[in-house]
Amino acid sequence: MHVVVVQHGLKNSKPCKHCIEAMKNVGIAKVTYSTGFADDPFKTEKVKHIENEWVSSLEKSVENGTFLYRRRKRTNKQFSGTLASPDPSRVSDLSHDIT
């Protein structure tokens, strides 16, 4: 399976270390992501060769208990859950949705 990750405006979309681990766990072989560079906007790599120690700010805020999400306009509630890589045994086959 091959995944494509792109942010609006072609910002850098290289997967974080947790996303890389999740892709390895579910058997994704390649990922193409936007680089944020106009002269070379996309990069394709084999998931097993990607290295990235970056952790998203969302992940950091959930881990340290400071993540706030909007329930209703002007109302924030603190999130106390955890984020984890998906369990490969519970991931459905999405290959029919990929073109």
PDB file of N, CA and C in Angstrom:
ATOM      1  N   MET A   1       0.838  -1.168   0.000  1.00  0.00           N
ATOM      2  CA  MET A   1       0.000   0.000   0.000  1.00  0.00           C
ATOM      3  C   MET A   1       0.889   1.239   0.000  1.00  0.00           C
ATOM      4  N   HIS A   2       0.437   2.284  -0.645  1.00  0.00           N
ATOM      5  CA  HIS A   2       1.168   3.535  -0.778  1.00  0.00           C
ATOM      6  C   HIS A   2       0.262   4.656  -0.278  1.00  0.00           C
ATOM      7  N   VAL A   3       0.750   5.494   0.641  1.00  0.00           N
ATOM      8  CA  VAL A   3      -0.017   6.590   1.225  1.00  0.00           C
ATOM      9  C   VAL A   3       0.540   7.915   0.717  1.00  0.00           C
ATOM     10  N   VAL A   4      -0.350   8.884   0.473  1.00  0.00           N
ATOM     11  CA  VAL A   4       0.054  10.236   0.070  1.00  0.00           C
ATOM     12  C   VAL A   4      -0.434  11.206   1.137  1.00  0.00           C
ATOM     13  N   VAL A   5       0.479  12.051   1.664  1.00  0.00           N
ATOM     14  CA  VAL A   5       0.149  13.020   2.706  1.00  0.00           C
ATOM     15  C   VAL A   5       0.497  14.407   2.184  1.00  0.00           C
ATOM     16  N   VAL A   6      -0.499  15.307   2.150  1.00  0.00           N
ATOM     17  CA  VAL A   6      -0.286  16.661   1.648  1.00  0.00           C
ATOM     18  C   VAL A   6      -1.048  17.632   2.532  1.00  0.00           C
ATOM     19  N   GLN A   7      -0.408  18.720   2.912  1.00  0.00           N
ATOM     20  CA  GLN A   7      -1.090  19.778   3.653  1.00  0.00           C
ATOM     21  C   GLN A   7      -1.435  20.901   2.700  1.00  0.00           C
ATOM     22  N   HIS A   8      -2.462  21.661   3.050  1.00  0.00           N
ATOM     23  CA  HIS A   8      -2.870  22.821   2.248  1.00  0.00           C
ATOM     24  C   HIS A   8      -1.670  23.741   2.061  1.00  0.00           C
ATOM     25  N   GLY A   9      -1.443  24.151   0.858  1.00  0.00           N
ATOM     26  CA  GLY A   9      -0.310  25.014   0.562  1.00  0.00           C
ATOM     27  C   GLY A   9       0.994  24.256   0.389  1.00  0.00           C
ATOM     28  N   LEU A  10       0.909  22.933   0.337  1.00  0.00           N
ATOM     29  CA  LEU A  10       2.078  22.060   0.170  1.00  0.00           C
ATOM     30  C   LEU A  10       3.130  22.284   1.245  1.00  0.00           C
ATOM     31  N   LYS A  11       2.680  22.482   2.484  1.00  0.00           N
ATOM     32  CA  LYS A  11       3.600  22.605   3.609  1.00  0.00           C
ATOM     33  C   LYS A  11       4.286  21.260   3.859  1.00  0.00           C
ATOM     34  N   ASN A  12       5.335  21.285   4.680  1.00  0.00           N
ATOM     35  CA  ASN A  12       6.048  20.057   5.009  1.00  0.00           C
ATOM     36  C   ASN A  12       5.101  19.092   5.716  1.00  0.00           C
ATOM     37  N   SER A  13       4.910  17.919   5.136  1.00  0.00           N
ATOM     38  CA  SER A  13       3.995  16.910   5.667  1.00  0.00           C
ATOM     39  C   SER A  13       4.693  15.596   5.971  1.00  0.00           C
ATOM     40  N   LYS A  14       5.998  15.646   6.222  1.00  0.00           N
ATOM     41  CA  LYS A  14       6.719  14.410   6.545  1.00  0.00           C
ATOM     42  C   LYS A  14       6.101  13.822   7.810  1.00  0.00           C
ATOM     43  N   PRO A  15       5.787  12.536   7.786  1.00  0.00           N
ATOM     44  CA  PRO A  15       5.145  11.918   8.947  1.00  0.00           C
ATOM     45  C   PRO A  15       6.025  11.981  10.198  1.00  0.00           C
ATOM     46  N   CYS A  16       5.384  12.178  11.365  1.00  0.00           N
ATOM     47  CA  CYS A  16       6.109  12.185  12.635  1.00  0.00           C
ATOM     48  C   CYS A  16       6.500  10.756  13.000  1.00  0.00           C
ATOM     49  N   LYS A  17       7.294  10.611  14.050  1.00  0.00           N
ATOM     50  CA  LYS A  17       7.804   9.281  14.401  1.00  0.00           C
ATOM     51  C   LYS A  17       6.681   8.324  14.783  1.00  0.00           C
ATOM     52  N   HIS A  18       5.592   8.822  15.367  1.00  0.00           N
ATOM     53  CA  HIS A  18       4.478   7.951  15.726  1.00  0.00           C
ATOM     54  C   HIS A  18       3.709   7.491  14.487  1.00  0.00           C
ATOM     55  N   CYS A  19       3.556   8.373  13.521  1.00  0.00           N
ATOM     56  CA  CYS A  19       2.878   8.005  12.269  1.00  0.00           C
ATOM     57  C   CYS A  19       3.704   6.988  11.488  1.00  0.00           C
ATOM     58  N   ILE A  20       5.011   7.178  11.486  1.00  0.00           N
ATOM     59  CA  ILE A  20       5.896   6.235  10.799  1.00  0.00           C
ATOM     60  C   ILE A  20       5.755   4.850  11.427  1.00  0.00           C
ATOM     61  N   GLU A  21       5.755   4.798  12.741  1.00  0.00           N
ATOM     62  CA  GLU A  21       5.622   3.517  13.439  1.00  0.00           C
ATOM     63  C   GLU A  21       4.270   2.875  13.137  1.00  0.00           C
ATOM     64  N   ALA A  22       3.209   3.688  13.108  1.00  0.00           N
ATOM     65  CA  ALA A  22       1.877   3.165  12.791  1.00  0.00           C
ATOM     66  C   ALA A  22       1.830   2.612  11.372  1.00  0.00           C
ATOM     67  N   MET A  23       2.451   3.313  10.419  1.00  0.00           N
ATOM     68  CA  MET A  23       2.468   2.833   9.032  1.00  0.00           C
ATOM     69  C   MET A  23       3.235   1.518   8.918  1.00  0.00           C
ATOM     70  N   LYS A  24       4.334   1.392   9.657  1.00  0.00           N
ATOM     71  CA  LYS A  24       5.084   0.135   9.661  1.00  0.00           C
ATOM     72  C   LYS A  24       4.220  -0.988  10.219  1.00  0.00           C
ATOM     73  N   ASN A  25       3.486  -0.699  11.298  1.00  0.00           N
ATOM     74  CA  ASN A  25       2.663  -1.718  11.958  1.00  0.00           C
ATOM     75  C   ASN A  25       1.529  -2.245  11.080  1.00  0.00           C
ATOM     76  N   VAL A  26       0.992  -1.404  10.199  1.00  0.00           N
ATOM     77  CA  VAL A  26      -0.118  -1.842   9.351  1.00  0.00           C
ATOM     78  C   VAL A  26       0.341  -2.265   7.957  1.00  0.00           C
ATOM     79  N   GLY A  27       1.646  -2.223   7.709  1.00  0.00           N
ATOM     80  CA  GLY A  27       2.177  -2.753   6.462  1.00  0.00           C
ATOM     81  C   GLY A  27       2.197  -1.803   5.282  1.00  0.00           C
ATOM     82  N   ILE A  28       2.189  -0.500   5.536  1.00  0.00           N
ATOM     83  CA  ILE A  28       2.291   0.462   4.430  1.00  0.00           C
ATOM     84  C   ILE A  28       3.737   0.480   3.959  1.00  0.00           C
ATOM     85  N   ALA A  29       3.942   0.301   2.665  1.00  0.00           N
ATOM     86  CA  ALA A  29       5.292   0.173   2.117  1.00  0.00           C
ATOM     87  C   ALA A  29       5.924   1.517   1.762  1.00  0.00           C
ATOM     88  N   LYS A  30       5.148   2.431   1.163  1.00  0.00           N
ATOM     89  CA  LYS A  30       5.686   3.715   0.713  1.00  0.00           C
ATOM     90  C   LYS A  30       4.780   4.848   1.151  1.00  0.00           C
ATOM     91  N   VAL A  31       5.386   6.017   1.315  1.00  0.00           N
ATOM     92  CA  VAL A  31       4.622   7.225   1.605  1.00  0.00           C
ATOM     93  C   VAL A  31       5.185   8.358   0.746  1.00  0.00           C
ATOM     94  N   THR A  32       4.290   9.148   0.178  1.00  0.00           N
ATOM     95  CA  THR A  32       4.661  10.353  -0.560  1.00  0.00           C
ATOM     96  C   THR A  32       4.124  11.525   0.238  1.00  0.00           C
ATOM     97  N   TYR A  33       4.962  12.525   0.488  1.00  0.00           N
ATOM     98  CA  TYR A  33       4.531  13.675   1.284  1.00  0.00           C
ATOM     99  C   TYR A  33       5.046  14.966   0.670  1.00  0.00           C
ATOM    100  N   SER A  34       4.352  16.059   0.979  1.00  0.00           N
ATOM    101  CA  SER A  34       4.805  17.363   0.507  1.00  0.00           C
ATOM    102  C   SER A  34       5.968  17.811   1.377  1.00  0.00           C
ATOM    103  N   THR A  35       6.957  18.461   0.739  1.00  0.00           N
ATOM    104  CA  THR A  35       8.190  18.827   1.424  1.00  0.00           C
ATOM    105  C   THR A  35       8.219  20.274   1.905  1.00  0.00           C
ATOM    106  N   GLY A  36       7.387  21.123   1.315  1.00  0.00           N
ATOM    107  CA  GLY A  36       7.420  22.540   1.655  1.00  0.00           C
ATOM    108  C   GLY A  36       8.392  23.338   0.805  1.00  0.00           C
ATOM    109  N   PHE A  37       9.076  22.664  -0.129  1.00  0.00           N
ATOM    110  CA  PHE A  37      10.041  23.334  -1.006  1.00  0.00           C
ATOM    111  C   PHE A  37       9.458  23.454  -2.413  1.00  0.00           C
ATOM    112  N   ALA A  38       9.476  24.649  -2.988  1.00  0.00           N
ATOM    113  CA  ALA A  38       8.906  24.877  -4.312  1.00  0.00           C
ATOM    114  C   ALA A  38       9.660  24.130  -5.409  1.00  0.00           C
ATOM    115  N   ASP A  39      10.980  24.002  -5.263  1.00  0.00           N
ATOM    116  CA  ASP A  39      11.770  23.351  -6.308  1.00  0.00           C
ATOM    117  C   ASP A  39      11.655  21.822  -6.278  1.00  0.00           C
ATOM    118  N   ASP A  40      11.208  21.249  -5.164  1.00  0.00           N
ATOM    119  CA  ASP A  40      11.041  19.801  -5.030  1.00  0.00           C
ATOM    120  C   ASP A  40       9.862  19.554  -4.083  1.00  0.00           C
ATOM    121  N   PRO A  41       8.618  19.755  -4.581  1.00  0.00           N
ATOM    122  CA  PRO A  41       7.465  19.775  -3.679  1.00  0.00           C
ATOM    123  C   PRO A  41       7.054  18.436  -3.076  1.00  0.00           C
ATOM    124  N   PHE A  42       7.449  17.306  -3.662  1.00  0.00           N
ATOM    125  CA  PHE A  42       7.036  16.000  -3.149  1.00  0.00           C
ATOM    126  C   PHE A  42       8.229  15.065  -3.015  1.00  0.00           C
ATOM    127  N   LYS A  43       8.136  14.182  -2.028  1.00  0.00           N
ATOM    128  CA  LYS A  43       9.176  13.174  -1.834  1.00  0.00           C
ATOM    129  C   LYS A  43       8.483  11.848  -1.540  1.00  0.00           C
ATOM    130  N   THR A  44       8.971  10.776  -2.158  1.00  0.00           N
ATOM    131  CA  THR A  44       8.457   9.433  -1.906  1.00  0.00           C
ATOM    132  C   THR A  44       9.562   8.618  -1.257  1.00  0.00           C
ATOM    133  N   GLU A  45       9.224   7.960  -0.158  1.00  0.00           N
ATOM    134  CA  GLU A  45      10.191   7.137   0.560  1.00  0.00           C
ATOM    135  C   GLU A  45       9.557   5.816   0.961  1.00  0.00           C
ATOM    136  N   LYS A  46      10.396   4.800   1.084  1.00  0.00           N
ATOM    137  CA  LYS A  46       9.944   3.547   1.665  1.00  0.00           C
ATOM    138  C   LYS A  46       9.801   3.788   3.170  1.00  0.00           C
ATOM    139  N   VAL A  47       8.693   3.337   3.732  1.00  0.00           N
ATOM    140  CA  VAL A  47       8.423   3.579   5.142  1.00  0.00           C
ATOM    141  C   VAL A  47       9.532   3.009   6.022  1.00  0.00           C
ATOM    142  N   LYS A  48      10.073   1.852   5.646  1.00  0.00           N
ATOM    143  CA  LYS A  48      11.112   1.236   6.475  1.00  0.00           C
ATOM    144  C   LYS A  48      12.406   2.050   6.505  1.00  0.00           C
ATOM    145  N   HIS A  49      12.564   3.015   5.576  1.00  0.00           N
ATOM    146  CA  HIS A  49      13.777   3.835   5.532  1.00  0.00           C
ATOM    147  C   HIS A  49      13.588   5.255   6.068  1.00  0.00           C
ATOM    148  N   ILE A  50      12.367   5.634   6.388  1.00  0.00           N
ATOM    149  CA  ILE A  50      12.126   6.999   6.875  1.00  0.00           C
ATOM    150  C   ILE A  50      12.631   7.127   8.305  1.00  0.00           C
ATOM    151  N   GLU A  51      13.306   8.221   8.573  1.00  0.00           N
ATOM    152  CA  GLU A  51      13.740   8.544   9.928  1.00  0.00           C
ATOM    153  C   GLU A  51      13.242   9.939  10.267  1.00  0.00           C
ATOM    154  N   ASN A  52      12.601  10.063  11.404  1.00  0.00           N
ATOM    155  CA  ASN A  52      12.120  11.352  11.854  1.00  0.00           C
ATOM    156  C   ASN A  52      11.856  11.260  13.347  1.00  0.00           C
ATOM    157  N   GLU A  53      12.482  12.092  14.129  1.00  0.00           N
ATOM    158  CA  GLU A  53      12.286  12.096  15.582  1.00  0.00           C
ATOM    159  C   GLU A  53      11.260  13.147  16.010  1.00  0.00           C
ATOM    160  N   TRP A  54      10.699  13.860  15.042  1.00  0.00           N
ATOM    161  CA  TRP A  54       9.750  14.929  15.340  1.00  0.00           C
ATOM    162  C   TRP A  54       8.441  14.349  15.860  1.00  0.00           C
ATOM    163  N   VAL A  55       7.889  14.994  16.900  1.00  0.00           N
ATOM    164  CA  VAL A  55       6.588  14.636  17.450  1.00  0.00           C
ATOM    165  C   VAL A  55       5.702  15.865  17.293  1.00  0.00           C
ATOM    166  N   SER A  56       4.493  15.681  16.800  1.00  0.00           N
ATOM    167  CA  SER A  56       3.601  16.809  16.547  1.00  0.00           C
ATOM    168  C   SER A  56       3.234  17.533  17.835  1.00  0.00           C
ATOM    169  N   SER A  57       2.881  18.803  17.707  1.00  0.00           N
ATOM    170  CA  SER A  57       2.477  19.584  18.876  1.00  0.00           C
ATOM    171  C   SER A  57       1.199  19.019  19.483  1.00  0.00           C
ATOM    172  N   LEU A  58       0.325  18.437  18.658  1.00  0.00           N
ATOM    173  CA  LEU A  58      -0.881  17.794  19.185  1.00  0.00           C
ATOM    174  C   LEU A  58      -0.498  16.629  20.087  1.00  0.00           C
ATOM    175  N   GLU A  59       0.394  15.780  19.617  1.00  0.00           N
ATOM    176  CA  GLU A  59       0.834  14.629  20.404  1.00  0.00           C
ATOM    177  C   GLU A  59       1.460  15.087  21.717  1.00  0.00           C
ATOM    178  N   LYS A  60       2.314  16.113  21.658  1.00  0.00           N
ATOM    179  CA  LYS A  60       2.955  16.618  22.871  1.00  0.00           C
ATOM    180  C   LYS A  60       1.916  17.137  23.859  1.00  0.00           C
ATOM    181  N   SER A  61       0.926  17.886  23.375  1.00  0.00           N
ATOM    182  CA  SER A  61      -0.078  18.457  24.280  1.00  0.00           C
ATOM    183  C   SER A  61      -0.965  17.386  24.896  1.00  0.00           C
ATOM    184  N   VAL A  62      -1.236  16.303  24.161  1.00  0.00           N
ATOM    185  CA  VAL A  62      -2.020  15.203  24.723  1.00  0.00           C
ATOM    186  C   VAL A  62      -1.196  14.472  25.777  1.00  0.00           C
ATOM    187  N   GLU A  63       0.080  14.240  25.479  1.00  0.00           N
ATOM    188  CA  GLU A  63       0.943  13.524  26.420  1.00  0.00           C
ATOM    189  C   GLU A  63       1.112  14.272  27.734  1.00  0.00           C
ATOM    190  N   ASN A  64       1.196  15.611  27.674  1.00  0.00           N
ATOM    191  CA  ASN A  64       1.406  16.352  28.920  1.00  0.00           C
ATOM    192  C   ASN A  64       0.101  16.888  29.525  1.00  0.00           C
ATOM    193  N   GLY A  65      -1.044  16.521  28.927  1.00  0.00           N
ATOM    194  CA  GLY A  65      -2.339  16.864  29.503  1.00  0.00           C
ATOM    195  C   GLY A  65      -2.795  18.294  29.302  1.00  0.00           C
ATOM    196  N   THR A  66      -2.225  18.998  28.321  1.00  0.00           N
ATOM    197  CA  THR A  66      -2.620  20.388  28.113  1.00  0.00           C
ATOM    198  C   THR A  66      -3.454  20.602  26.859  1.00  0.00           C
ATOM    199  N   PHE A  67      -3.846  19.510  26.191  1.00  0.00           N
ATOM    200  CA  PHE A  67      -4.630  19.628  24.961  1.00  0.00           C
ATOM    201  C   PHE A  67      -6.035  20.129  25.265  1.00  0.00           C
ATOM    202  N   LEU A  68      -6.439  21.185  24.594  1.00  0.00           N
ATOM    203  CA  LEU A  68      -7.786  21.727  24.736  1.00  0.00           C
ATOM    204  C   LEU A  68      -8.510  21.583  23.410  1.00  0.00           C
ATOM    205  N   TYR A  69      -9.728  21.140  23.448  1.00  0.00           N
ATOM    206  CA  TYR A  69     -10.504  21.053  22.220  1.00  0.00           C
ATOM    207  C   TYR A  69     -11.811  21.798  22.407  1.00  0.00           C
ATOM    208  N   ARG A  70     -12.342  22.313  21.311  1.00  0.00           N
ATOM    209  CA  ARG A  70     -13.588  23.072  21.367  1.00  0.00           C
ATOM    210  C   ARG A  70     -14.779  22.134  21.323  1.00  0.00           C
ATOM    211  N   ARG A  71     -15.597  22.235  22.337  1.00  0.00           N
ATOM    212  CA  ARG A  71     -16.843  21.480  22.341  1.00  0.00           C
ATOM    213  C   ARG A  71     -17.933  22.303  21.706  1.00  0.00           C
ATOM    214  N   ARG A  72     -18.027  23.510  22.138  1.00  0.00           N
ATOM    215  CA  ARG A  72     -18.955  24.480  21.568  1.00  0.00           C
ATOM    216  C   ARG A  72     -18.214  25.795  21.454  1.00  0.00           C
ATOM    217  N   LYS A  73     -18.775  26.701  20.734  1.00  0.00           N
ATOM    218  CA  LYS A  73     -18.134  27.991  20.568  1.00  0.00           C
ATOM    219  C   LYS A  73     -17.805  28.599  21.929  1.00  0.00           C
ATOM    220  N   ARG A  74     -16.539  29.009  22.093  1.00  0.00           N
ATOM    221  CA  ARG A  74     -16.035  29.650  23.301  1.00  0.00           C
ATOM    222  C   ARG A  74     -16.008  28.749  24.530  1.00  0.00           C
ATOM    223  N   THR A  75     -16.100  27.473  24.336  1.00  0.00           N
ATOM    224  CA  THR A  75     -16.037  26.538  25.462  1.00  0.00           C
ATOM    225  C   THR A  75     -14.917  25.551  25.208  1.00  0.00           C
ATOM    226  N   ASN A  76     -13.962  25.508  26.096  1.00  0.00           N
ATOM    227  CA  ASN A  76     -12.851  24.556  25.991  1.00  0.00           C
ATOM    228  C   ASN A  76     -12.959  23.536  27.104  1.00  0.00           C
ATOM    229  N   LYS A  77     -12.601  22.310  26.793  1.00  0.00           N
ATOM    230  CA  LYS A  77     -12.579  21.247  27.778  1.00  0.00           C
ATOM    231  C   LYS A  77     -11.252  20.516  27.641  1.00  0.00           C
ATOM    232  N   GLN A  78     -10.636  20.199  28.750  1.00  0.00           N
ATOM    233  CA  GLN A  78      -9.347  19.525  28.699  1.00  0.00           C
ATOM    234  C   GLN A  78      -9.527  18.051  28.349  1.00  0.00           C
ATOM    235  N   PHE A  79      -8.634  17.558  27.479  1.00  0.00           N
ATOM    236  CA  PHE A  79      -8.647  16.165  27.045  1.00  0.00           C
ATOM    237  C   PHE A  79      -7.667  15.384  27.907  1.00  0.00           C
ATOM    238  N   SER A  80      -8.102  14.256  28.452  1.00  0.00           N
ATOM    239  CA  SER A  80      -7.217  13.479  29.317  1.00  0.00           C
ATOM    240  C   SER A  80      -6.899  12.104  28.744  1.00  0.00           C
ATOM    241  N   GLY A  81      -7.245  11.863  27.493  1.00  0.00           N
ATOM    242  CA  GLY A  81      -6.980  10.566  26.869  1.00  0.00           C
ATOM    243  C   GLY A  81      -5.555  10.448  26.382  1.00  0.00           C
ATOM    244  N   THR A  82      -5.287   9.373  25.673  1.00  0.00           N
ATOM    245  CA  THR A  82      -3.966   9.164  25.100  1.00  0.00           C
ATOM    246  C   THR A  82      -4.110   8.810  23.626  1.00  0.00           C
ATOM    247  N   LEU A  83      -3.082   9.094  22.872  1.00  0.00           N
ATOM    248  CA  LEU A  83      -3.032   8.721  21.468  1.00  0.00           C
ATOM    249  C   LEU A  83      -2.134   7.503  21.346  1.00  0.00           C
ATOM    250  N   ALA A  84      -2.493   6.597  20.471  1.00  0.00           N
ATOM    251  CA  ALA A  84      -1.679   5.396  20.284  1.00  0.00           C
ATOM    252  C   ALA A  84      -1.713   4.983  18.830  1.00  0.00           C
ATOM    253  N   SER A  85      -0.727   4.221  18.427  1.00  0.00           N
ATOM    254  CA  SER A  85      -0.710   3.671  17.079  1.00  0.00           C
ATOM    255  C   SER A  85      -1.879   2.703  16.933  1.00  0.00           C
ATOM    256  N   PRO A  86      -2.478   2.638  15.744  1.00  0.00           N
ATOM    257  CA  PRO A  86      -3.608   1.739  15.577  1.00  0.00           C
ATOM    258  C   PRO A  86      -3.194   0.280  15.717  1.00  0.00           C
ATOM    259  N   ASP A  87      -4.089  -0.516  16.250  1.00  0.00           N
ATOM    260  CA  ASP A  87      -3.865  -1.948  16.383  1.00  0.00           C
ATOM    261  C   ASP A  87      -4.045  -2.568  14.996  1.00  0.00           C
ATOM    262  N   PRO A  88      -2.990  -3.184  14.423  1.00  0.00           N
ATOM    263  CA  PRO A  88      -3.084  -3.730  13.062  1.00  0.00           C
ATOM    264  C   PRO A  88      -4.222  -4.732  12.895  1.00  0.00           C
ATOM    265  N   SER A  89      -4.588  -5.431  13.964  1.00  0.00           N
ATOM    266  CA  SER A  89      -5.656  -6.423  13.852  1.00  0.00           C
ATOM    267  C   SER A  89      -7.031  -5.779  13.713  1.00  0.00           C
ATOM    268  N   ARG A  90      -7.127  -4.470  14.028  1.00  0.00           N
ATOM    269  CA  ARG A  90      -8.414  -3.785  13.954  1.00  0.00           C
ATOM    270  C   ARG A  90      -8.525  -2.843  12.755  1.00  0.00           C
ATOM    271  N   VAL A  91      -7.488  -2.777  11.925  1.00  0.00           N
ATOM    272  CA  VAL A  91      -7.493  -1.892  10.760  1.00  0.00           C
ATOM    273  C   VAL A  91      -8.097  -2.641   9.584  1.00  0.00           C
ATOM    274  N   SER A  92      -9.097  -2.036   8.967  1.00  0.00           N
ATOM    275  CA  SER A  92      -9.747  -2.693   7.835  1.00  0.00           C
ATOM    276  C   SER A  92      -8.930  -2.501   6.561  1.00  0.00           C
ATOM    277  N   ASP A  93      -9.220  -3.294   5.582  1.00  0.00           N
ATOM    278  CA  ASP A  93      -8.546  -3.195   4.289  1.00  0.00           C
ATOM    279  C   ASP A  93      -9.170  -2.049   3.516  1.00  0.00           C
ATOM    280  N   LEU A  94      -8.392  -0.983   3.283  1.00  0.00           N
ATOM    281  CA  LEU A  94      -8.891   0.190   2.570  1.00  0.00           C
ATOM    282  C   LEU A  94      -8.422   0.222   1.127  1.00  0.00           C
ATOM    283  N   SER A  95      -7.828  -0.856   0.646  1.00  0.00           N
ATOM    284  CA  SER A  95      -7.268  -0.851  -0.695  1.00  0.00           C
ATOM    285  C   SER A  95      -8.315  -0.585  -1.766  1.00  0.00           C
ATOM    286  N   HIS A  96      -9.582  -0.908  -1.500  1.00  0.00           N
ATOM    287  CA  HIS A  96     -10.620  -0.652  -2.485  1.00  0.00           C
ATOM    288  C   HIS A  96     -10.909   0.842  -2.621  1.00  0.00           C
ATOM    289  N   ASP A  97     -10.514   1.665  -1.614  1.00  0.00           N
ATOM    290  CA  ASP A  97     -10.744   3.104  -1.659  1.00  0.00           C
ATOM    291  C   ASP A  97      -9.581   3.868  -2.281  1.00  0.00           C
ATOM    292  N   ILE A  98      -8.490   3.199  -2.545  1.00  0.00           N
ATOM    293  CA  ILE A  98      -7.293   3.867  -3.049  1.00  0.00           C
ATOM    294  C   ILE A  98      -7.274   3.764  -4.574  1.00  0.00           C
ATOM    295  N   THR A  99      -7.090   4.905  -5.213  1.00  0.00           N
ATOM    296  CA  THR A  99      -7.041   4.916  -6.674  1.00  0.00           C
ATOM    297  C   THR A  99      -5.668   5.258  -7.168  1.00  0.00           C
TER     298      THR A  99
END
